[in-house]
Amino acid sequence: MRISVSSKIIKILLLVITVASIMAVGYGSLAAENGTDQALSGLDKTVKATGLGSTNNSLPVLIGKLVGIVLQFVGVAFLLLMIYGGITWMVARGNEGEVTKAKDIIQAAIIGLVIVTAAYAITAYVGSVLTTTK
């Protein structure tokens, strides 16, 4: 028995996942504005600790929020690429060209996530060093 997954079903599935992910990002941003320290991201906590972000409209706070939102979208993009690569691999049905394409997509997504995570770690480290030297 051969199971056939149409391109239309895959597109609908990816659309639903994308919409749900964007809604989750929006919910996270709303929770961060709740005012509790538990809802603050690491960048917001660093800005709060330096005393530079006494108002919500200061430049460091806005930059911290922007970086946080960008990182959330990078996470969503990673998830979507992994799902797309996995579905492509499953639908390949042994076609070596399609399997190679799927492996390349998954590998590129993982490399991109590692680069973004390293960039965030460096930024967080530099921010913590600047915070402690003050």
Protein backbone atom coordinates (compact mmCIF):
# COMPACT_ATOMS: atom_id res chain seq x y z
CA MET A 1 0.00 0.00 0.00
CA ARG A 2 1.43 3.32 -1.06
CA ILE A 3 0.59 6.42 0.97
CA SER A 4 0.54 9.60 -1.05
CA VAL A 5 0.73 12.98 0.63
CA SER A 6 -0.34 15.75 -1.67
CA SER A 7 1.50 19.01 -1.93
CA LYS A 8 -1.67 20.85 -0.94
CA ILE A 9 -1.90 19.03 2.42
CA ILE A 10 1.75 19.82 3.17
CA LYS A 11 1.20 23.50 2.38
CA ILE A 12 -1.89 23.65 4.60
CA LEU A 13 0.00 21.94 7.44
CA LEU A 14 2.90 24.39 7.16
CA LEU A 15 0.46 27.32 7.08
CA VAL A 16 -1.26 26.13 10.27
CA ILE A 17 2.09 25.65 12.02
CA THR A 18 3.26 29.09 10.89
CA VAL A 19 0.11 30.82 12.13
CA ALA A 20 0.27 28.97 15.45
CA SER A 21 3.93 29.87 15.87
CA ILE A 22 3.33 33.55 15.14
CA MET A 23 0.48 33.56 17.64
CA ALA A 24 2.80 31.98 20.23
CA VAL A 25 5.41 34.69 19.58
CA GLY A 26 2.77 37.37 20.06
CA TYR A 27 1.61 35.75 23.28
CA GLY A 28 5.20 35.67 24.57
CA SER A 29 5.60 39.37 23.81
CA LEU A 30 2.38 40.19 25.64
CA ALA A 31 3.45 38.12 28.64
CA ALA A 32 6.77 39.99 28.75
CA GLU A 33 4.91 43.29 29.11
CA ASN A 34 3.02 41.93 32.09
CA GLY A 35 5.61 43.49 34.38
CA THR A 36 6.70 40.40 36.30
CA ASP A 37 10.34 39.39 36.41
CA GLN A 38 9.42 35.83 35.43
CA ALA A 39 8.07 37.03 32.10
CA LEU A 40 11.13 39.13 31.27
CA SER A 41 13.59 37.78 28.75
CA GLY A 42 17.31 37.68 29.48
CA LEU A 43 17.93 40.86 27.51
CA ASP A 44 15.19 42.72 29.37
CA LYS A 45 16.67 41.59 32.71
CA THR A 46 20.10 42.84 31.63
CA VAL A 47 18.69 46.22 30.65
CA LYS A 48 16.82 46.40 33.96
CA ALA A 49 19.99 45.50 35.91
CA THR A 50 22.06 48.22 34.22
CA GLY A 51 19.52 50.88 35.09
CA LEU A 52 19.57 52.14 31.51
CA GLY A 53 16.02 51.01 30.85
CA SER A 54 14.07 52.93 33.45
CA THR A 55 11.29 53.61 30.95
CA ASN A 56 9.75 51.21 28.46
CA ASN A 57 10.51 53.58 25.59
CA SER A 58 14.26 53.88 26.11
CA LEU A 59 16.59 52.78 23.34
CA PRO A 60 18.16 49.81 25.19
CA VAL A 61 14.73 48.41 26.04
CA LEU A 62 13.54 48.77 22.46
CA ILE A 63 16.70 47.11 21.13
CA GLY A 64 16.33 44.27 23.65
CA LYS A 65 12.73 43.70 22.63
CA LEU A 66 13.65 43.79 18.94
CA VAL A 67 16.43 41.24 19.41
CA GLY A 68 14.09 39.03 21.42
CA ILE A 69 11.43 39.14 18.70
CA VAL A 70 14.01 38.38 15.99
CA LEU A 71 15.27 35.39 18.00
CA GLN A 72 11.71 34.13 18.40
CA PHE A 73 11.18 34.29 14.64
CA VAL A 74 14.49 32.49 14.07
CA GLY A 75 13.23 29.72 16.34
CA VAL A 76 10.00 29.54 14.36
CA ALA A 77 11.96 29.45 11.08
CA PHE A 78 14.12 26.62 12.43
CA LEU A 79 11.04 24.64 13.43
CA LEU A 80 9.41 25.15 10.03
CA LEU A 81 12.57 24.18 8.15
CA MET A 82 12.95 21.02 10.24
CA ILE A 83 9.31 20.06 9.60
CA TYR A 84 9.65 20.81 5.89
CA GLY A 85 12.87 18.80 5.65
CA GLY A 86 11.30 15.89 7.53
CA ILE A 87 8.19 15.86 5.37
CA THR A 88 10.32 16.11 2.23
CA TRP A 89 12.36 13.14 3.42
CA MET A 90 9.25 11.07 4.22
CA VAL A 91 7.61 11.84 0.88
CA ALA A 92 10.82 11.13 -1.08
CA ARG A 93 9.98 7.39 -1.28
CA GLY A 94 13.62 6.43 -1.78
CA ASN A 95 14.38 9.01 -4.47
CA GLU A 96 18.03 9.84 -3.73
CA GLY A 97 17.73 13.39 -5.09
CA GLU A 98 14.83 14.23 -2.80
CA VAL A 99 16.48 12.55 0.21
CA THR A 100 19.66 14.56 -0.40
CA LYS A 101 17.60 17.74 -0.70
CA ALA A 102 15.84 16.98 2.60
CA LYS A 103 19.14 16.24 4.36
CA ASP A 104 20.60 19.50 3.07
CA ILE A 105 17.59 21.46 4.36
CA ILE A 106 17.84 19.87 7.81
CA GLN A 107 21.62 20.38 7.93
CA ALA A 108 21.33 24.04 6.91
CA ALA A 109 18.63 24.62 9.55
CA ILE A 110 20.79 23.11 12.29
CA ILE A 111 23.86 25.11 11.23
CA GLY A 112 21.79 28.30 11.19
CA LEU A 113 20.41 27.58 14.65
CA VAL A 114 23.92 26.94 16.01
CA ILE A 115 25.17 30.24 14.55
CA VAL A 116 22.25 32.23 15.97
CA THR A 117 22.56 30.53 19.37
CA ALA A 118 26.29 31.30 19.45
CA ALA A 119 25.62 34.93 18.54
CA TYR A 120 23.04 35.19 21.33
CA ALA A 121 25.41 33.57 23.82
CA ILE A 122 28.19 36.01 22.93
CA THR A 123 25.78 38.94 23.24
CA ALA A 124 24.49 37.73 26.60
CA TYR A 125 28.05 37.22 27.87
CA VAL A 126 29.18 40.68 26.77
CA GLY A 127 26.03 42.18 28.32
CA SER A 128 26.65 40.40 31.61
CA VAL A 129 30.30 41.51 31.67
CA LEU A 130 29.26 45.11 31.00
CA THR A 131 26.61 44.84 33.71
CA THR A 132 29.01 43.52 36.36
CA THR A 133 31.77 46.05 35.61
CA LYS A 134 29.45 48.97 36.22
